[in-house]
Amino acid sequence: MIEAGIEAGRKMADDVDGGADPLVMGVRDRWEKQGLHGEPWPFMAICSVGRLNQLMKKALDDEVQRLGLTRTGYFLLTTLALTSHGSARLSTLGRFLMMHPTTVKLTVDQLEAAGLVGRARHPRDRRATLVEITPAGRDRVNAVGLALEAPGSAFAAFGGMHRDLFEALQPARLAAGDVEPVERGNGEGGAGRGGDGTPVTGRG
């Protein structure tokens, strides 16, 4: 899969409609000529992921803003929708989304004001607060999901590539340590989930 993707990328770099790949033209083709040591690929890989990240965030922002959300709001709502009971602690959301607690709280405040989430006391820990997705919040998540796949959306440039992108990047993420231990046993959340049913993928 990765080898095929690399070969396809090489062919596309030589035949881009209306222009040239700036990383090929500006980095690969100049690296040796400018007397730089080592291979250009580490620098190109970093730049490629960074540029793609910016392009995808811009496309995502365009779609979620049209539906009355921020990017962090969409991530938080989707995370809640993926939990076993549609709820999670603020601390769990912060860990899963790799967000600062203040950012999580402000995002929850905005979503609550819009009627997309609510707050409730944890049934077994009165000191903890659960954030719960509402039916309106779940509808909004589904609306964004469909919009991201629509032919005329800002995300249309990535159409048909989503799974390929994930599978191409996954080996690098895992090699860099983006893994979590899988919890097994009879816990409330089940294997691979936290105690409130949230998928365990964040940093402790």
Protein backbone atom coordinates (compact mmCIF):
# COMPACT_ATOMS: atom_id res chain seq x y z
CA MET A 1 0.00 0.00 0.00
CA ILE A 2 2.72 2.49 0.99
CA GLU A 3 4.96 1.55 -1.95
CA ALA A 4 2.07 1.96 -4.37
CA GLY A 5 1.25 5.34 -2.86
CA ILE A 6 4.85 6.51 -3.22
CA GLU A 7 4.95 5.45 -6.86
CA ALA A 8 1.63 7.20 -7.53
CA GLY A 9 2.99 10.32 -5.87
CA ARG A 10 6.03 10.30 -8.13
CA LYS A 11 3.81 10.13 -11.21
CA MET A 12 1.55 12.92 -9.93
CA ALA A 13 4.56 15.14 -9.17
CA ASP A 14 5.45 15.06 -12.85
CA ASP A 15 1.89 15.78 -14.02
CA VAL A 16 0.12 18.27 -11.77
CA ASP A 17 -2.64 20.22 -13.49
CA GLY A 18 -1.69 23.86 -13.81
CA GLY A 19 1.51 23.77 -11.77
CA ALA A 20 4.22 21.81 -10.01
CA ASP A 21 4.61 20.30 -6.56
CA PRO A 22 6.49 22.97 -4.56
CA LEU A 23 8.30 20.35 -2.49
CA VAL A 24 9.60 18.59 -5.59
CA MET A 25 10.48 21.79 -7.42
CA GLY A 26 11.73 23.75 -4.43
CA VAL A 27 13.40 21.07 -2.31
CA ARG A 28 14.10 17.73 -3.99
CA ASP A 29 15.39 19.20 -7.24
CA ARG A 30 17.63 21.72 -5.45
CA TRP A 31 18.93 19.73 -2.48
CA GLU A 32 22.06 18.27 -4.01
CA LYS A 33 22.71 21.26 -6.28
CA GLN A 34 22.83 23.55 -3.26
CA GLY A 35 25.38 21.31 -1.55
CA LEU A 36 23.12 20.16 1.30
CA HIS A 37 24.25 17.01 3.09
CA GLY A 38 22.13 13.91 3.63
CA GLU A 39 18.96 13.02 1.80
CA PRO A 40 16.12 15.54 1.26
CA TRP A 41 13.43 13.08 2.40
CA PRO A 42 13.32 13.85 6.16
CA PHE A 43 12.82 17.56 5.46
CA MET A 44 10.34 16.82 2.67
CA ALA A 45 8.37 14.42 4.86
CA ILE A 46 8.06 17.03 7.62
CA CYS A 47 7.04 19.73 5.17
CA SER A 48 4.60 17.42 3.38
CA VAL A 49 2.75 16.45 6.57
CA GLY A 50 2.73 20.06 7.76
CA ARG A 51 1.39 21.45 4.51
CA LEU A 52 -1.25 18.72 4.23
CA ASN A 53 -2.28 19.39 7.82
CA GLN A 54 -2.82 23.07 7.06
CA LEU A 55 -4.78 22.32 3.88
CA MET A 56 -7.03 19.78 5.62
CA LYS A 57 -7.65 22.07 8.60
CA LYS A 58 -8.62 24.91 6.25
CA ALA A 59 -11.05 22.65 4.37
CA LEU A 60 -12.49 21.30 7.63
CA ASP A 61 -12.90 24.81 9.06
CA ASP A 62 -14.83 25.89 5.98
CA GLU A 63 -17.30 23.00 6.37
CA VAL A 64 -17.81 23.05 10.15
CA GLN A 65 -18.20 26.84 10.27
CA ARG A 66 -20.94 26.59 7.67
CA LEU A 67 -22.72 24.25 10.10
CA GLY A 68 -22.20 26.49 13.12
CA LEU A 69 -19.25 24.70 14.71
CA THR A 70 -15.59 25.26 15.36
CA ARG A 71 -12.99 22.63 14.59
CA THR A 72 -12.48 21.86 18.30
CA GLY A 73 -16.24 21.73 18.76
CA TYR A 74 -16.55 19.16 15.99
CA PHE A 75 -13.74 17.04 17.44
CA LEU A 76 -15.31 17.15 20.90
CA LEU A 77 -18.82 16.32 19.68
CA THR A 78 -17.54 13.43 17.57
CA THR A 79 -15.56 12.08 20.52
CA LEU A 80 -18.68 12.13 22.69
CA ALA A 81 -20.71 10.44 19.94
CA LEU A 82 -18.13 7.62 19.88
CA THR A 83 -18.37 6.87 23.60
CA SER A 84 -20.46 4.00 24.95
CA HIS A 85 -23.07 6.27 26.55
CA GLY A 86 -22.52 9.57 24.75
CA SER A 87 -20.76 11.12 27.73
CA ALA A 88 -17.29 11.64 29.17
CA ARG A 89 -15.47 13.58 31.88
CA LEU A 90 -13.86 16.88 30.99
CA SER A 91 -10.47 15.43 31.89
CA THR A 92 -11.02 12.43 29.62
CA LEU A 93 -11.95 14.67 26.70
CA GLY A 94 -8.81 16.75 27.23
CA ARG A 95 -6.60 13.67 27.25
CA PHE A 96 -8.24 12.10 24.22
CA LEU A 97 -8.18 15.28 22.14
CA MET A 98 -4.75 16.39 23.45
CA MET A 99 -6.26 19.73 24.42
CA HIS A 100 -5.54 22.04 27.34
CA PRO A 101 -8.25 21.81 30.06
CA THR A 102 -9.13 25.48 29.58
CA THR A 103 -9.72 24.93 25.85
CA VAL A 104 -11.93 21.93 26.61
CA LYS A 105 -13.99 23.89 29.14
CA LEU A 106 -14.47 26.87 26.81
CA THR A 107 -15.47 24.57 23.94
CA VAL A 108 -17.97 22.74 26.14
CA ASP A 109 -19.40 26.10 27.26
CA GLN A 110 -19.95 27.09 23.62
CA LEU A 111 -21.53 23.75 22.71
CA GLU A 112 -23.76 23.83 25.78
CA ALA A 113 -24.99 27.33 24.92
CA ALA A 114 -25.92 26.01 21.47
CA GLY A 115 -27.82 23.06 22.97
CA LEU A 116 -25.41 20.48 21.55
CA VAL A 117 -24.13 19.12 24.89
CA GLY A 118 -25.22 19.14 28.50
CA ARG A 119 -23.55 18.61 31.87
CA ALA A 120 -24.40 16.04 34.54
CA ARG A 121 -22.92 14.72 37.77
CA HIS A 122 -20.95 11.51 37.49
CA PRO A 123 -23.10 8.72 39.01
CA ARG A 124 -20.23 7.32 41.12
CA ASP A 125 -17.96 10.33 41.62
CA ARG A 126 -19.81 13.42 42.81
CA ARG A 127 -16.68 15.53 42.32
CA ALA A 128 -16.62 14.78 38.59
CA THR A 129 -18.75 16.35 35.87
CA LEU A 130 -19.83 14.46 32.77
CA VAL A 131 -20.36 16.14 29.42
CA GLU A 132 -23.23 14.54 27.49
CA ILE A 133 -24.01 14.90 23.82
CA THR A 134 -27.62 15.86 23.09
CA PRO A 135 -29.72 14.57 20.18
CA ALA A 136 -29.11 17.91 18.46
CA GLY A 137 -25.38 17.44 18.96
CA ARG A 138 -25.47 13.99 17.42
CA ASP A 139 -27.45 15.35 14.46
CA ARG A 140 -24.78 18.01 13.98
CA VAL A 141 -22.00 15.41 13.97
CA ASN A 142 -23.85 13.44 11.30
CA ALA A 143 -24.40 16.60 9.24
CA VAL A 144 -20.66 17.34 9.24
CA GLY A 145 -19.83 13.72 8.37
CA LEU A 146 -22.06 13.85 5.30
CA ALA A 147 -20.80 17.30 4.31
CA LEU A 148 -17.18 16.13 4.36
CA GLU A 149 -18.04 13.46 1.79
CA ALA A 150 -20.17 15.67 -0.46
CA PRO A 151 -18.76 16.21 -4.00
CA GLY A 152 -19.04 19.99 -3.76
CA SER A 153 -17.59 20.39 -0.27
CA ALA A 154 -14.34 22.08 0.68
CA PHE A 155 -13.09 18.55 1.43
CA ALA A 156 -13.86 17.35 -2.11
CA ALA A 157 -10.18 17.56 -3.12
CA PHE A 158 -9.51 14.63 -0.76
CA GLY A 159 -12.43 12.56 -2.02
CA GLY A 160 -11.67 8.85 -2.11
CA MET A 161 -8.32 9.36 -0.36
CA HIS A 162 -9.36 9.34 3.30
CA ARG A 163 -8.68 5.69 4.03
CA ASP A 164 -5.52 5.69 1.94
CA LEU A 165 -4.24 8.73 3.85
CA PHE A 166 -4.90 7.08 7.19
CA GLU A 167 -3.24 3.82 6.18
CA ALA A 168 -0.22 5.58 4.66
CA LEU A 169 0.37 7.68 7.79
CA GLN A 170 -0.42 4.99 10.37
CA PRO A 171 2.97 3.19 10.29
CA ALA A 172 4.81 6.46 10.92
CA ARG A 173 2.48 7.41 13.79
CA LEU A 174 2.84 4.04 15.47
CA ALA A 175 6.62 4.01 14.99
CA ALA A 176 6.78 7.41 16.69
CA GLY A 177 4.92 6.03 19.72
CA ASP A 178 1.33 7.10 19.06
CA VAL A 179 -0.03 4.01 20.80
CA GLU A 180 -1.98 3.28 23.96
CA PRO A 181 -2.18 0.10 26.05
CA VAL A 182 -5.36 -1.87 25.50
CA GLU A 183 -7.32 -2.37 28.71
CA ARG A 184 -8.75 -5.85 29.05
CA GLY A 185 -11.10 -7.30 31.59
CA ASN A 186 -14.58 -6.53 32.85
CA GLY A 187 -14.24 -2.77 33.22
CA GLU A 188 -17.17 -0.53 32.43
CA GLY A 189 -15.61 0.79 29.25
CA GLY A 190 -14.49 -2.55 27.81
CA ALA A 191 -11.28 -3.32 25.98
CA GLY A 192 -9.43 -0.33 24.66
CA ARG A 193 -11.65 2.19 26.43
CA GLY A 194 -11.47 4.34 29.50
CA GLY A 195 -13.73 3.92 32.50
CA ASP A 196 -16.41 6.15 30.98
CA GLY A 197 -16.37 4.30 27.66
CA THR A 198 -14.18 6.81 25.82
CA PRO A 199 -11.78 5.29 23.27
CA VAL A 200 -8.30 5.44 24.85
CA THR A 201 -6.00 7.22 22.39
CA GLY A 202 -4.86 10.35 24.18
CA ARG A 203 -1.80 11.17 26.21
CA GLY A 204 -1.82 10.81 29.98
